[in-house]
């Protein structure tokens, strides 16, 4: 029989106390309301759902971006990798916050001692593996997302382009012209010499099938992007 002290309790500490000793199923069921209140359960489930939604957005963005032809990018206010970085940043902490109050009490309620030990060890291994994978993706997307210096420029008739700075040693630019509401295709690229291309100071005007992009002293005619 397990005696549970319900003073100032921490779910993880309680989990460590109860997992090593056998607990009759009846005692386990009686202890559940003390270990996991309804409000704690609701908050845990809410954060778990947020994490699941973020993971779904991350997967959909990655799959959709990979399916685009070479030279095309997805841009919906932010570039695809930046949106994936936001989804990853929201999803990881939400999963940790949501599962923290749920997992330890539920694992601790397993009445058979050796099963509880094995399950608890598997949970910890899974948490460490998921945290390592999340940290790797976080670092990779952080480097990619914030190396993409770009701005969206819209003409009066609604047509738009994405002006992206590329290169560090040899500054240059790449211009993506809108193909569909959130898809842009590479139209042209060029070299801006020894100085950084002014992506944040541009205007756009329509002239027939082409667009005229003006960025400080640069005036560039942008032809339609190949689909």
C-alpha atoms as a PDB file:
ATOM      1  CA  UNK A   1       0.000   0.000   0.000  1.00  0.00           C
ATOM      2  CA  UNK A   2       1.303   3.435  -0.863  1.00  0.00           C
ATOM      3  CA  UNK A   3       0.887   6.410   1.432  1.00  0.00           C
ATOM      4  CA  UNK A   4       0.732   9.683  -0.513  1.00  0.00           C
ATOM      5  CA  UNK A   5       1.634  12.914   1.187  1.00  0.00           C
ATOM      6  CA  UNK A   6      -0.288  15.682  -0.551  1.00  0.00           C
ATOM      7  CA  UNK A   7       1.411  18.710   0.971  1.00  0.00           C
ATOM      8  CA  UNK A   8       3.403  20.850  -1.459  1.00  0.00           C
ATOM      9  CA  UNK A   9       3.578  18.288  -4.264  1.00  0.00           C
ATOM     10  CA  UNK A  10       5.276  18.225  -7.613  1.00  0.00           C
ATOM     11  CA  UNK A  11       3.953  15.808 -10.257  1.00  0.00           C
ATOM     12  CA  UNK A  12       7.445  14.612 -11.172  1.00  0.00           C
ATOM     13  CA  UNK A  13       8.468  14.016  -7.555  1.00  0.00           C
ATOM     14  CA  UNK A  14       5.250  12.144  -6.916  1.00  0.00           C
ATOM     15  CA  UNK A  15       5.846  10.095 -10.032  1.00  0.00           C
ATOM     16  CA  UNK A  16       9.254   9.032  -8.747  1.00  0.00           C
ATOM     17  CA  UNK A  17       7.758   8.082  -5.371  1.00  0.00           C
ATOM     18  CA  UNK A  18       4.955   5.936  -6.689  1.00  0.00           C
ATOM     19  CA  UNK A  19       6.595   4.199  -9.596  1.00  0.00           C
ATOM     20  CA  UNK A  20       8.898   1.951  -7.583  1.00  0.00           C
ATOM     21  CA  UNK A  21       6.277   0.445  -5.298  1.00  0.00           C
ATOM     22  CA  UNK A  22       3.300  -1.787  -6.069  1.00  0.00           C
ATOM     23  CA  UNK A  23      -0.038  -0.002  -5.894  1.00  0.00           C
ATOM     24  CA  UNK A  24      -3.367  -1.832  -5.904  1.00  0.00           C
ATOM     25  CA  UNK A  25      -5.615  -0.759  -8.769  1.00  0.00           C
ATOM     26  CA  UNK A  26      -8.284   0.475  -6.351  1.00  0.00           C
ATOM     27  CA  UNK A  27      -5.748   2.701  -4.580  1.00  0.00           C
ATOM     28  CA  UNK A  28      -4.520   3.995  -7.926  1.00  0.00           C
ATOM     29  CA  UNK A  29      -8.014   4.989  -9.025  1.00  0.00           C
ATOM     30  CA  UNK A  30      -8.628   6.699  -5.697  1.00  0.00           C
ATOM     31  CA  UNK A  31      -5.383   8.679  -5.999  1.00  0.00           C
ATOM     32  CA  UNK A  32      -6.074   9.970  -9.535  1.00  0.00           C
ATOM     33  CA  UNK A  33      -8.285  12.968  -8.544  1.00  0.00           C
ATOM     34  CA  UNK A  34      -5.550  14.158  -6.170  1.00  0.00           C
ATOM     35  CA  UNK A  35      -2.767  13.728  -8.725  1.00  0.00           C
ATOM     36  CA  UNK A  36      -4.622  15.189 -11.697  1.00  0.00           C
ATOM     37  CA  UNK A  37      -7.362  17.746 -11.096  1.00  0.00           C
ATOM     38  CA  UNK A  38      -9.925  18.541 -13.749  1.00  0.00           C
ATOM     39  CA  UNK A  39      -8.483  22.006 -14.336  1.00  0.00           C
ATOM     40  CA  UNK A  40      -4.950  20.637 -14.693  1.00  0.00           C
ATOM     41  CA  UNK A  41      -6.220  18.017 -17.112  1.00  0.00           C
ATOM     42  CA  UNK A  42      -8.013  20.635 -19.227  1.00  0.00           C
ATOM     43  CA  UNK A  43      -4.959  22.890 -19.429  1.00  0.00           C
ATOM     44  CA  UNK A  44      -2.759  19.933 -20.291  1.00  0.00           C
ATOM     45  CA  UNK A  45      -5.069  18.816 -23.068  1.00  0.00           C
ATOM     46  CA  UNK A  46      -5.345  22.394 -24.399  1.00  0.00           C
ATOM     47  CA  UNK A  47      -1.575  22.793 -24.673  1.00  0.00           C
ATOM     48  CA  UNK A  48      -1.259  19.318 -26.175  1.00  0.00           C
ATOM     49  CA  UNK A  49      -3.798  20.291 -28.862  1.00  0.00           C
ATOM     50  CA  UNK A  50      -1.875  23.507 -29.584  1.00  0.00           C
ATOM     51  CA  UNK A  51       1.277  21.446 -29.975  1.00  0.00           C
ATOM     52  CA  UNK A  52      -0.487  19.005 -32.305  1.00  0.00           C
ATOM     53  CA  UNK A  53      -1.842  21.869 -34.447  1.00  0.00           C
ATOM     54  CA  UNK A  54       1.628  23.433 -34.644  1.00  0.00           C
ATOM     55  CA  UNK A  55       3.130  20.094 -35.652  1.00  0.00           C
ATOM     56  CA  UNK A  56       0.482  19.721 -38.368  1.00  0.00           C
ATOM     57  CA  UNK A  57       1.235  23.224 -39.710  1.00  0.00           C
ATOM     58  CA  UNK A  58       4.953  22.433 -39.670  1.00  0.00           C
ATOM     59  CA  UNK A  59       4.428  19.209 -41.610  1.00  0.00           C
ATOM     60  CA  UNK A  60       2.039  20.751 -44.151  1.00  0.00           C
ATOM     61  CA  UNK A  61       4.337  23.712 -44.816  1.00  0.00           C
ATOM     62  CA  UNK A  62       7.340  21.445 -45.242  1.00  0.00           C
ATOM     63  CA  UNK A  63       5.530  19.058 -47.576  1.00  0.00           C
ATOM     64  CA  UNK A  64       3.970  21.845 -49.652  1.00  0.00           C
ATOM     65  CA  UNK A  65       7.270  23.689 -49.972  1.00  0.00           C
ATOM     66  CA  UNK A  66       9.033  20.517 -51.104  1.00  0.00           C
ATOM     67  CA  UNK A  67       6.377  19.933 -53.775  1.00  0.00           C
ATOM     68  CA  UNK A  68       6.959  23.308 -55.449  1.00  0.00           C
ATOM     69  CA  UNK A  69       9.011  23.365 -58.667  1.00  0.00           C
ATOM     70  CA  UNK A  70      12.593  24.708 -58.437  1.00  0.00           C
ATOM     71  CA  UNK A  71      12.666  28.496 -58.326  1.00  0.00           C
ATOM     72  CA  UNK A  72       9.269  28.885 -56.653  1.00  0.00           C
ATOM     73  CA  UNK A  73       8.681  29.845 -53.011  1.00  0.00           C
ATOM     74  CA  UNK A  74       5.690  29.988 -50.668  1.00  0.00           C
ATOM     75  CA  UNK A  75       5.195  33.402 -49.077  1.00  0.00           C
ATOM     76  CA  UNK A  76       2.215  34.321 -46.867  1.00  0.00           C
ATOM     77  CA  UNK A  77       3.350  37.460 -45.098  1.00  0.00           C
ATOM     78  CA  UNK A  78       6.482  35.540 -44.106  1.00  0.00           C
ATOM     79  CA  UNK A  79       8.651  33.130 -46.046  1.00  0.00           C
ATOM     80  CA  UNK A  80       8.000  29.393 -45.705  1.00  0.00           C
ATOM     81  CA  UNK A  81      10.970  28.616 -43.428  1.00  0.00           C
ATOM     82  CA  UNK A  82      10.050  31.550 -41.179  1.00  0.00           C
ATOM     83  CA  UNK A  83       6.504  30.202 -40.805  1.00  0.00           C
ATOM     84  CA  UNK A  84       7.896  26.738 -40.051  1.00  0.00           C
ATOM     85  CA  UNK A  85      10.204  28.262 -37.436  1.00  0.00           C
ATOM     86  CA  UNK A  86       7.228  29.924 -35.724  1.00  0.00           C
ATOM     87  CA  UNK A  87       5.267  26.651 -35.736  1.00  0.00           C
ATOM     88  CA  UNK A  88       8.250  24.818 -34.261  1.00  0.00           C
ATOM     89  CA  UNK A  89       8.801  27.504 -31.612  1.00  0.00           C
ATOM     90  CA  UNK A  90       5.154  27.320 -30.528  1.00  0.00           C
ATOM     91  CA  UNK A  91       4.791  23.546 -30.762  1.00  0.00           C
ATOM     92  CA  UNK A  92       7.800  22.453 -28.712  1.00  0.00           C
ATOM     93  CA  UNK A  93       7.133  24.414 -25.511  1.00  0.00           C
ATOM     94  CA  UNK A  94       3.383  23.734 -25.811  1.00  0.00           C
ATOM     95  CA  UNK A  95       4.057  19.996 -25.869  1.00  0.00           C
ATOM     96  CA  UNK A  96       6.278  20.255 -22.794  1.00  0.00           C
ATOM     97  CA  UNK A  97       3.739  22.378 -20.883  1.00  0.00           C
ATOM     98  CA  UNK A  98       0.839  20.151 -21.896  1.00  0.00           C
ATOM     99  CA  UNK A  99       2.424  16.771 -21.146  1.00  0.00           C
ATOM    100  CA  UNK A 100       4.172  17.784 -17.915  1.00  0.00           C
ATOM    101  CA  UNK A 101       1.041  17.599 -15.716  1.00  0.00           C
ATOM    102  CA  UNK A 102      -0.487  14.651 -17.599  1.00  0.00           C
ATOM    103  CA  UNK A 103       2.193  12.014 -18.056  1.00  0.00           C
ATOM    104  CA  UNK A 104       3.682  11.522 -14.555  1.00  0.00           C
ATOM    105  CA  UNK A 105       0.377  10.840 -12.723  1.00  0.00           C
ATOM    106  CA  UNK A 106      -0.895   8.551 -15.475  1.00  0.00           C
ATOM    107  CA  UNK A 107       2.316   6.513 -15.596  1.00  0.00           C
ATOM    108  CA  UNK A 108       2.457   6.411 -11.823  1.00  0.00           C
ATOM    109  CA  UNK A 109      -1.004   4.879 -11.655  1.00  0.00           C
ATOM    110  CA  UNK A 110       0.129   1.659 -13.350  1.00  0.00           C
ATOM    111  CA  UNK A 111      -0.380  -0.889 -10.544  1.00  0.00           C
ATOM    112  CA  UNK A 112       2.312  -3.405 -11.571  1.00  0.00           C
ATOM    113  CA  UNK A 113       5.720  -2.262 -10.337  1.00  0.00           C
ATOM    114  CA  UNK A 114       7.988  -3.553 -13.115  1.00  0.00           C
ATOM    115  CA  UNK A 115       5.597  -2.385 -15.834  1.00  0.00           C
ATOM    116  CA  UNK A 116       5.571   1.061 -14.237  1.00  0.00           C
ATOM    117  CA  UNK A 117       9.384   1.125 -14.190  1.00  0.00           C
ATOM    118  CA  UNK A 118       9.674   0.076 -17.845  1.00  0.00           C
ATOM    119  CA  UNK A 119       7.000   2.524 -18.951  1.00  0.00           C
ATOM    120  CA  UNK A 120       8.581   5.359 -16.980  1.00  0.00           C
ATOM    121  CA  UNK A 121      11.998   4.652 -18.522  1.00  0.00           C
ATOM    122  CA  UNK A 122      10.504   4.565 -22.014  1.00  0.00           C
ATOM    123  CA  UNK A 123       8.791   7.889 -21.378  1.00  0.00           C
ATOM    124  CA  UNK A 124      12.053   9.521 -20.344  1.00  0.00           C
ATOM    125  CA  UNK A 125      13.905   8.127 -23.374  1.00  0.00           C
ATOM    126  CA  UNK A 126      11.130   9.376 -25.670  1.00  0.00           C
ATOM    127  CA  UNK A 127      11.233  12.829 -24.056  1.00  0.00           C
ATOM    128  CA  UNK A 128      15.016  13.090 -24.468  1.00  0.00           C
ATOM    129  CA  UNK A 129      14.876  11.933 -28.101  1.00  0.00           C
ATOM    130  CA  UNK A 130      12.070  14.365 -28.943  1.00  0.00           C
ATOM    131  CA  UNK A 131      13.871  17.241 -27.215  1.00  0.00           C
ATOM    132  CA  UNK A 132      17.099  16.535 -29.117  1.00  0.00           C
ATOM    133  CA  UNK A 133      15.262  16.370 -32.453  1.00  0.00           C
ATOM    134  CA  UNK A 134      13.360  19.568 -31.672  1.00  0.00           C
ATOM    135  CA  UNK A 135      16.586  21.394 -30.752  1.00  0.00           C
ATOM    136  CA  UNK A 136      18.239  20.268 -34.013  1.00  0.00           C
ATOM    137  CA  UNK A 137      15.334  21.489 -36.151  1.00  0.00           C
ATOM    138  CA  UNK A 138      15.127  24.697 -34.119  1.00  0.00           C
ATOM    139  CA  UNK A 139      18.796  25.510 -34.760  1.00  0.00           C
ATOM    140  CA  UNK A 140      18.631  24.669 -38.461  1.00  0.00           C
ATOM    141  CA  UNK A 141      15.466  26.670 -39.104  1.00  0.00           C
ATOM    142  CA  UNK A 142      16.743  29.584 -37.024  1.00  0.00           C
ATOM    143  CA  UNK A 143      19.834  29.872 -39.231  1.00  0.00           C
ATOM    144  CA  UNK A 144      17.844  29.539 -42.460  1.00  0.00           C
ATOM    145  CA  UNK A 145      14.872  31.727 -41.504  1.00  0.00           C
ATOM    146  CA  UNK A 146      16.882  34.734 -40.375  1.00  0.00           C
ATOM    147  CA  UNK A 147      19.371  34.579 -43.246  1.00  0.00           C
ATOM    148  CA  UNK A 148      16.523  35.309 -45.699  1.00  0.00           C
ATOM    149  CA  UNK A 149      16.412  39.112 -45.875  1.00  0.00           C
ATOM    150  CA  UNK A 150      13.440  40.022 -48.045  1.00  0.00           C
ATOM    151  CA  UNK A 151      10.525  42.381 -48.446  1.00  0.00           C
ATOM    152  CA  UNK A 152       7.257  42.296 -50.340  1.00  0.00           C
ATOM    153  CA  UNK A 153       6.525  45.183 -52.727  1.00  0.00           C
ATOM    154  CA  UNK A 154       3.014  45.683 -54.134  1.00  0.00           C
ATOM    155  CA  UNK A 155       1.955  47.783 -57.099  1.00  0.00           C
ATOM    156  CA  UNK A 156      -1.238  49.839 -57.238  1.00  0.00           C
ATOM    157  CA  UNK A 157      -2.970  47.191 -59.376  1.00  0.00           C
ATOM    158  CA  UNK A 158      -2.319  44.478 -56.744  1.00  0.00           C
ATOM    159  CA  UNK A 159       0.602  42.719 -58.419  1.00  0.00           C
ATOM    160  CA  UNK A 160       3.523  42.064 -56.103  1.00  0.00           C
ATOM    161  CA  UNK A 161       7.091  40.841 -55.996  1.00  0.00           C
ATOM    162  CA  UNK A 162       9.426  39.545 -53.310  1.00  0.00           C
ATOM    163  CA  UNK A 163      12.808  41.256 -53.263  1.00  0.00           C
ATOM    164  CA  UNK A 164      15.385  39.057 -51.530  1.00  0.00           C
ATOM    165  CA  UNK A 165      18.943  39.895 -50.553  1.00  0.00           C
ATOM    166  CA  UNK A 166      21.326  37.071 -51.390  1.00  0.00           C
ATOM    167  CA  UNK A 167      25.009  36.587 -50.807  1.00  0.00           C
ATOM    168  CA  UNK A 168      27.387  38.000 -48.204  1.00  0.00           C
ATOM    169  CA  UNK A 169      30.759  38.250 -49.923  1.00  0.00           C
ATOM    170  CA  UNK A 170      29.221  39.276 -53.255  1.00  0.00           C
ATOM    171  CA  UNK A 171      25.984  41.106 -52.457  1.00  0.00           C
ATOM    172  CA  UNK A 172      23.207  40.583 -54.931  1.00  0.00           C
ATOM    173  CA  UNK A 173      19.477  40.311 -55.234  1.00  0.00           C
ATOM    174  CA  UNK A 174      16.836  37.886 -56.424  1.00  0.00           C
ATOM    175  CA  UNK A 175      13.343  38.969 -57.409  1.00  0.00           C
ATOM    176  CA  UNK A 176      10.333  36.654 -57.206  1.00  0.00           C
ATOM    177  CA  UNK A 177       7.187  37.629 -59.078  1.00  0.00           C
ATOM    178  CA  UNK A 178       3.743  36.561 -57.925  1.00  0.00           C
ATOM    179  CA  UNK A 179       2.234  33.565 -59.726  1.00  0.00           C
ATOM    180  CA  UNK A 180      -0.726  32.856 -57.431  1.00  0.00           C
ATOM    181  CA  UNK A 181      -1.885  34.363 -54.101  1.00  0.00           C
ATOM    182  CA  UNK A 182       0.914  32.743 -52.058  1.00  0.00           C
ATOM    183  CA  UNK A 183       3.305  31.389 -54.709  1.00  0.00           C
ATOM    184  CA  UNK A 184       6.157  33.412 -56.182  1.00  0.00           C
ATOM    185  CA  UNK A 185       8.509  32.378 -58.953  1.00  0.00           C
ATOM    186  CA  UNK A 186      12.094  33.514 -59.491  1.00  0.00           C
ATOM    187  CA  UNK A 187      12.010  36.162 -62.212  1.00  0.00           C
ATOM    188  CA  UNK A 188      15.573  37.435 -62.265  1.00  0.00           C
ATOM    189  CA  UNK A 189      18.664  37.994 -60.154  1.00  0.00           C
ATOM    190  CA  UNK A 190      21.605  40.346 -60.289  1.00  0.00           C
ATOM    191  CA  UNK A 191      24.715  41.707 -58.614  1.00  0.00           C
ATOM    192  CA  UNK A 192      24.601  44.908 -56.587  1.00  0.00           C
ATOM    193  CA  UNK A 193      28.361  45.407 -56.548  1.00  0.00           C
ATOM    194  CA  UNK A 194      30.093  46.006 -53.239  1.00  0.00           C
ATOM    195  CA  UNK A 195      27.065  47.318 -51.383  1.00  0.00           C
ATOM    196  CA  UNK A 196      24.009  45.638 -49.924  1.00  0.00           C
ATOM    197  CA  UNK A 197      20.921  45.720 -52.107  1.00  0.00           C
ATOM    198  CA  UNK A 198      18.259  48.019 -50.549  1.00  0.00           C
ATOM    199  CA  UNK A 199      15.404  45.511 -50.222  1.00  0.00           C
ATOM    200  CA  UNK A 200      13.481  47.703 -47.762  1.00  0.00           C
ATOM    201  CA  UNK A 201      13.252  50.864 -49.903  1.00  0.00           C
ATOM    202  CA  UNK A 202      11.441  49.768 -53.057  1.00  0.00           C
ATOM    203  CA  UNK A 203       8.386  50.776 -55.072  1.00  0.00           C
ATOM    204  CA  UNK A 204       6.645  48.862 -57.845  1.00  0.00           C
ATOM    205  CA  UNK A 205       4.760  50.021 -60.952  1.00  0.00           C
ATOM    206  CA  UNK A 206       3.089  48.171 -63.809  1.00  0.00           C
ATOM    207  CA  UNK A 207       4.175  48.729 -67.416  1.00  0.00           C
ATOM    208  CA  UNK A 208       2.417  46.294 -69.718  1.00  0.00           C
ATOM    209  CA  UNK A 209       3.286  42.654 -68.989  1.00  0.00           C
ATOM    210  CA  UNK A 210       6.354  43.714 -67.023  1.00  0.00           C
ATOM    211  CA  UNK A 211       6.743  45.394 -63.658  1.00  0.00           C
ATOM    212  CA  UNK A 212       9.197  48.171 -62.905  1.00  0.00           C
ATOM    213  CA  UNK A 213      10.894  47.912 -59.529  1.00  0.00           C
ATOM    214  CA  UNK A 214      12.643  50.978 -58.118  1.00  0.00           C
ATOM    215  CA  UNK A 215      14.959  50.515 -55.112  1.00  0.00           C
ATOM    216  CA  UNK A 216      16.921  53.707 -54.368  1.00  0.00           C
ATOM    217  CA  UNK A 217      19.118  54.211 -57.438  1.00  0.00           C
ATOM    218  CA  UNK A 218      18.267  50.784 -58.909  1.00  0.00           C
ATOM    219  CA  UNK A 219      15.508  50.531 -61.536  1.00  0.00           C
ATOM    220  CA  UNK A 220      14.782  46.986 -62.630  1.00  0.00           C
ATOM    221  CA  UNK A 221      12.295  45.687 -65.176  1.00  0.00           C
ATOM    222  CA  UNK A 222      10.746  42.487 -63.850  1.00  0.00           C
ATOM    223  CA  UNK A 223       9.359  40.084 -66.493  1.00  0.00           C
ATOM    224  CA  UNK A 224       6.704  37.465 -65.697  1.00  0.00           C
ATOM    225  CA  UNK A 225       8.060  34.481 -63.795  1.00  0.00           C
ATOM    226  CA  UNK A 226       7.982  31.081 -65.526  1.00  0.00           C
ATOM    227  CA  UNK A 227       5.252  28.834 -64.138  1.00  0.00           C
END
